[in-house]
Amino acid sequence: MRLMIAQCSVDYTGRLTAHLPTARRLLMIKADGSILVHADEGTFKPLNWLAPPCAILEEIVGEGRRWTVTNKTEQLVITIEEVYHDCEHELGVEPGLRKDGVESHLQRLLAEQIETLGEGWRLVRREYPTPIGPVDILCRDAQGAAVAVEIKRRGRISGVEQLTRYLELLNRDPDLAPVRGVFAAQEIKPQARVLATDRGIACAILDYDALRGSEATGTPT
C-alpha cells in the first residue's frame, strides 16, 4: 500500500464530472489496484475513489506531479502541488474480520440446539445444497415435515427473498416436499416480517446469548 499526504486537486470524469479544489489530502493506493482520496474530517468515506483494476500514469508537471488514474469507464486526474509524506508498506495477507455472533456461529449454535425452534425438531443437515446455493439448515419438525431455516444476523427483505428461492427448489424434491420455511435472525425488520408472513414463512428471533447458554429461545411465530 502506498500512502501520500499532499496538497492536491482532483478532477473526476465518468458517471458525472466532479472537481475537488486544492487542499491537503491523503492519497491511498492499495495493492488491489484501487485508489482513494481522503480528507481529515467530514466522513470516514473517501472523497473520491476508483475501483480496481486501475492504470496509473505518474508524470512530472512543472514543480509538481500529476497522476492520471483510469479504469474501464472512469478517470481521476490528481494534480499534486506539494508532497508532505510518501511511503509504501507491505501489509501481507488479510485474515479477515472475525466477529462474535456472525451468521456461521449462529448457524452452528442453532443446529446444536434445533429444538429451540420447536419441541421434537431434529437436524437433517447444515448447509443443505440446492442448485443456487446451500440453505443454512434443513430439519424436520415433530411431525416429520421438512423445514428449511435461513439464518441472518439482521433479517431484511433480501433474506426472505433468498429463502423463498430455496423453498421453491426444495419443494421440487418429492422426498422432501412439502417444505416450509423459517426465517431466523437476531433482529427482523418489520417489512421483512410482513413479506415472510405473506409467503407463509415463519419468523424466529434468535437470542444469541441464550443460544450460547442453556436456555432455549426463538420459537417461531
Protein backbone atom coordinates (compact mmCIF):
# COMPACT_ATOMS: atom_id res chain seq x y z
CA MET A 1 0.00 0.00 0.00
CA ARG A 2 1.23 3.48 -0.87
CA LEU A 3 0.24 6.41 1.35
CA MET A 4 0.82 10.02 0.38
CA ILE A 5 -0.15 13.22 2.14
CA ALA A 6 -0.13 16.01 -0.42
CA GLN A 7 -1.52 19.37 -1.40
CA CYS A 8 -3.58 18.42 -4.43
CA SER A 9 -6.65 18.96 -6.57
CA VAL A 10 -8.73 16.17 -8.07
CA ASP A 11 -10.84 16.01 -11.24
CA TYR A 12 -13.18 13.08 -11.84
CA THR A 13 -14.90 12.09 -15.09
CA GLY A 14 -17.17 9.08 -15.50
CA ARG A 15 -20.81 8.76 -14.42
CA LEU A 16 -20.60 12.55 -13.94
CA THR A 17 -17.89 15.17 -13.57
CA ALA A 18 -16.62 16.47 -10.26
CA HIS A 19 -13.83 18.71 -9.01
CA LEU A 20 -12.07 18.90 -5.66
CA PRO A 21 -10.18 22.19 -5.30
CA THR A 22 -6.67 22.20 -3.91
CA ALA A 23 -6.30 21.10 -0.30
CA ARG A 24 -4.14 18.86 1.85
CA ARG A 25 -5.35 15.26 1.50
CA LEU A 26 -4.41 11.63 2.00
CA LEU A 27 -3.94 9.62 -1.21
CA MET A 28 -4.06 5.85 -0.85
CA ILE A 29 -3.11 3.30 -3.50
CA LYS A 30 -3.98 -0.24 -2.37
CA ALA A 31 -2.45 -3.50 -3.52
CA ASP A 32 -5.69 -4.47 -5.27
CA GLY A 33 -5.24 -1.51 -7.62
CA SER A 34 -7.85 0.80 -6.11
CA ILE A 35 -7.12 4.45 -5.33
CA LEU A 36 -8.81 6.54 -2.65
CA VAL A 37 -8.72 10.25 -1.82
CA HIS A 38 -9.40 11.07 1.85
CA ALA A 39 -9.91 14.26 3.85
CA ASP A 40 -9.19 14.55 7.56
CA GLU A 41 -12.74 15.47 8.52
CA GLY A 42 -16.37 15.16 7.45
CA THR A 43 -16.72 11.40 6.93
CA PHE A 44 -14.87 8.12 7.05
CA LYS A 45 -15.66 7.59 3.37
CA PRO A 46 -13.23 8.76 0.69
CA LEU A 47 -13.99 11.99 -1.12
CA ASN A 48 -13.36 10.18 -4.37
CA TRP A 49 -12.05 6.82 -5.48
CA LEU A 50 -11.70 4.42 -8.39
CA ALA A 51 -12.35 0.72 -8.06
CA PRO A 52 -9.77 -1.77 -9.39
CA PRO A 53 -8.30 -2.61 -11.74
CA CYS A 54 -6.78 0.82 -12.37
CA ALA A 55 -3.93 2.05 -14.51
CA ILE A 56 -1.87 4.90 -13.02
CA LEU A 57 0.26 7.24 -15.13
CA GLU A 58 2.51 9.43 -12.98
CA GLU A 59 4.04 12.50 -14.67
CA ILE A 60 6.21 15.40 -13.56
CA VAL A 61 4.43 18.70 -14.32
CA GLY A 62 6.47 21.82 -13.58
CA GLU A 63 7.44 21.71 -9.91
CA GLY A 64 4.71 19.21 -9.10
CA ARG A 65 3.37 15.97 -10.48
CA ARG A 66 0.17 14.58 -11.92
CA TRP A 67 -1.47 11.19 -11.55
CA THR A 68 -3.85 10.11 -14.27
CA VAL A 69 -5.79 7.13 -12.96
CA THR A 70 -8.16 5.20 -15.24
CA ASN A 71 -10.29 2.09 -15.16
CA LYS A 72 -12.72 0.85 -17.81
CA THR A 73 -15.20 3.73 -17.57
CA GLU A 74 -13.81 6.38 -15.19
CA GLN A 75 -10.83 8.67 -14.74
CA LEU A 76 -9.25 10.60 -11.87
CA VAL A 77 -6.68 13.30 -12.55
CA ILE A 78 -4.85 14.22 -9.37
CA THR A 79 -2.67 17.30 -9.61
CA ILE A 80 -0.10 17.24 -6.80
CA GLU A 81 1.42 20.56 -5.85
CA GLU A 82 3.41 19.59 -2.77
CA VAL A 83 4.18 16.27 -1.05
CA TYR A 84 4.45 16.15 2.74
CA HIS A 85 4.74 12.39 3.18
CA ASP A 86 5.13 9.47 0.77
CA CYS A 87 5.65 5.87 1.87
CA GLU A 88 4.90 2.28 0.90
CA HIS A 89 4.09 -0.65 3.17
CA GLU A 90 3.54 -4.37 2.53
CA LEU A 91 0.58 -5.36 4.71
CA GLY A 92 0.55 -9.05 3.85
CA VAL A 93 -2.42 -11.39 3.64
CA GLU A 94 -5.59 -10.16 5.35
CA PRO A 95 -7.05 -12.94 7.58
CA GLY A 96 -10.50 -11.31 7.58
CA LEU A 97 -12.73 -9.91 10.29
CA ARG A 98 -13.93 -12.31 12.94
CA LYS A 99 -16.94 -11.12 14.89
CA ASP A 100 -18.79 -12.72 17.75
CA GLY A 101 -22.31 -13.68 16.69
CA VAL A 102 -21.85 -13.83 12.93
CA GLU A 103 -24.20 -15.95 10.88
CA SER A 104 -21.93 -19.02 10.74
CA HIS A 105 -21.71 -19.07 14.53
CA LEU A 106 -25.47 -18.61 14.87
CA GLN A 107 -25.96 -21.45 12.40
CA ARG A 108 -23.76 -23.80 14.41
CA LEU A 109 -25.40 -22.90 17.70
CA LEU A 110 -28.92 -23.29 16.32
CA ALA A 111 -28.07 -26.61 14.67
CA GLU A 112 -26.80 -27.91 18.00
CA GLN A 113 -29.99 -26.71 19.71
CA ILE A 114 -32.53 -27.23 16.95
CA GLU A 115 -35.32 -27.81 19.48
CA THR A 116 -35.05 -24.07 20.10
CA LEU A 117 -37.39 -23.85 17.09
CA GLY A 118 -39.83 -26.44 18.39
CA GLU A 119 -40.07 -29.43 20.66
CA GLY A 120 -39.31 -32.68 18.88
CA TRP A 121 -37.48 -30.99 15.97
CA ARG A 122 -34.36 -32.75 14.66
CA LEU A 123 -31.49 -31.68 12.45
CA VAL A 124 -31.11 -33.19 8.97
CA ARG A 125 -28.10 -31.21 7.77
CA ARG A 126 -26.38 -27.85 7.90
CA GLU A 127 -25.65 -26.18 4.53
CA TYR A 128 -28.17 -28.36 2.69
CA PRO A 129 -27.38 -27.99 -1.05
CA THR A 130 -29.71 -26.54 -3.67
CA PRO A 131 -28.88 -25.62 -7.30
CA ILE A 132 -28.48 -21.95 -6.29
CA GLY A 133 -26.55 -22.48 -3.07
CA PRO A 134 -26.99 -24.10 0.32
CA VAL A 135 -29.81 -23.32 2.72
CA ASP A 136 -28.41 -22.83 6.22
CA ILE A 137 -30.28 -25.65 7.97
CA LEU A 138 -32.63 -28.39 6.86
CA CYS A 139 -34.50 -30.06 9.71
CA ARG A 140 -37.74 -31.91 10.43
CA ASP A 141 -40.41 -30.87 12.89
CA ALA A 142 -42.13 -33.10 15.46
CA GLN A 143 -44.48 -34.45 12.76
CA GLY A 144 -41.57 -35.27 10.44
CA ALA A 145 -42.24 -32.46 7.94
CA ALA A 146 -39.20 -30.85 6.29
CA VAL A 147 -38.31 -27.29 7.33
CA ALA A 148 -35.71 -25.04 5.70
CA VAL A 149 -34.15 -22.44 8.01
CA GLU A 150 -32.32 -19.37 6.73
CA ILE A 151 -30.27 -17.51 9.36
CA LYS A 152 -29.25 -13.85 9.36
CA ARG A 153 -27.89 -11.50 11.97
CA ARG A 154 -30.32 -8.86 10.75
CA GLY A 155 -33.35 -10.08 8.84
CA ARG A 156 -34.15 -7.99 5.80
CA ILE A 157 -36.37 -8.41 2.74
CA SER A 158 -33.41 -9.77 0.75
CA GLY A 159 -33.11 -12.66 3.20
CA VAL A 160 -36.80 -13.53 2.83
CA GLU A 161 -36.39 -13.49 -0.96
CA GLN A 162 -33.38 -15.79 -0.65
CA LEU A 163 -35.30 -18.30 1.47
CA THR A 164 -38.26 -18.11 -0.94
CA ARG A 165 -35.99 -19.21 -3.80
CA TYR A 166 -34.60 -22.07 -1.74
CA LEU A 167 -38.10 -23.26 -0.82
CA GLU A 168 -39.20 -23.22 -4.45
CA LEU A 169 -36.35 -25.55 -5.39
CA LEU A 170 -36.59 -27.80 -2.32
CA ASN A 171 -40.30 -28.34 -2.92
CA ARG A 172 -39.48 -29.88 -6.30
CA ASP A 173 -37.89 -32.82 -4.46
CA PRO A 174 -40.61 -35.42 -3.83
CA ASP A 175 -38.59 -36.85 -0.93
CA LEU A 176 -38.79 -33.51 0.88
CA ALA A 177 -41.99 -31.80 -0.23
CA PRO A 178 -43.80 -30.14 1.27
CA VAL A 179 -41.03 -27.98 2.75
CA ARG A 180 -41.90 -24.94 4.83
CA GLY A 181 -39.56 -22.15 5.85
CA VAL A 182 -38.34 -20.40 8.96
CA PHE A 183 -36.57 -17.05 8.71
CA ALA A 184 -34.38 -16.76 11.81
CA ALA A 185 -32.40 -13.69 12.91
CA GLN A 186 -31.34 -11.70 15.92
CA GLU A 187 -33.45 -8.84 14.57
CA ILE A 188 -36.08 -8.90 11.81
CA LYS A 189 -37.11 -5.70 10.06
CA PRO A 190 -40.87 -5.04 10.00
CA GLN A 191 -41.04 -5.09 6.19
CA ALA A 192 -39.23 -8.44 6.12
CA ARG A 193 -41.65 -9.89 8.66
CA VAL A 194 -44.65 -8.73 6.61
CA LEU A 195 -43.24 -10.30 3.44
CA ALA A 196 -42.38 -13.56 5.22
CA THR A 197 -45.88 -13.81 6.69
CA ASP A 198 -47.42 -13.16 3.28
CA ARG A 199 -45.40 -16.06 1.86
CA GLY A 200 -46.20 -18.46 4.67
CA ILE A 201 -42.72 -18.30 6.16
CA ALA A 202 -42.42 -18.32 9.96
CA CYS A 203 -40.10 -15.85 11.71
CA ALA A 204 -37.88 -16.67 14.70
CA ILE A 205 -35.97 -14.16 16.79
CA LEU A 206 -32.69 -15.68 17.98
CA ASP A 207 -31.27 -14.78 21.37
CA TYR A 208 -27.56 -15.21 20.81
CA ASP A 209 -26.63 -15.07 24.48
CA ALA A 210 -29.27 -17.69 25.31
CA LEU A 211 -28.08 -19.96 22.49
CA ARG A 212 -24.59 -19.83 23.95
CA GLY A 213 -26.01 -20.88 27.28
CA SER A 214 -28.59 -23.49 28.09
CA GLU A 215 -31.83 -21.53 27.76
CA ALA A 216 -33.94 -22.29 24.64
CA THR A 217 -35.40 -19.26 22.91
CA GLY A 218 -36.52 -18.25 19.44
CA THR A 219 -39.78 -20.15 18.99
CA PRO A 220 -41.22 -19.47 15.51
CA THR A 221 -44.10 -17.00 15.39
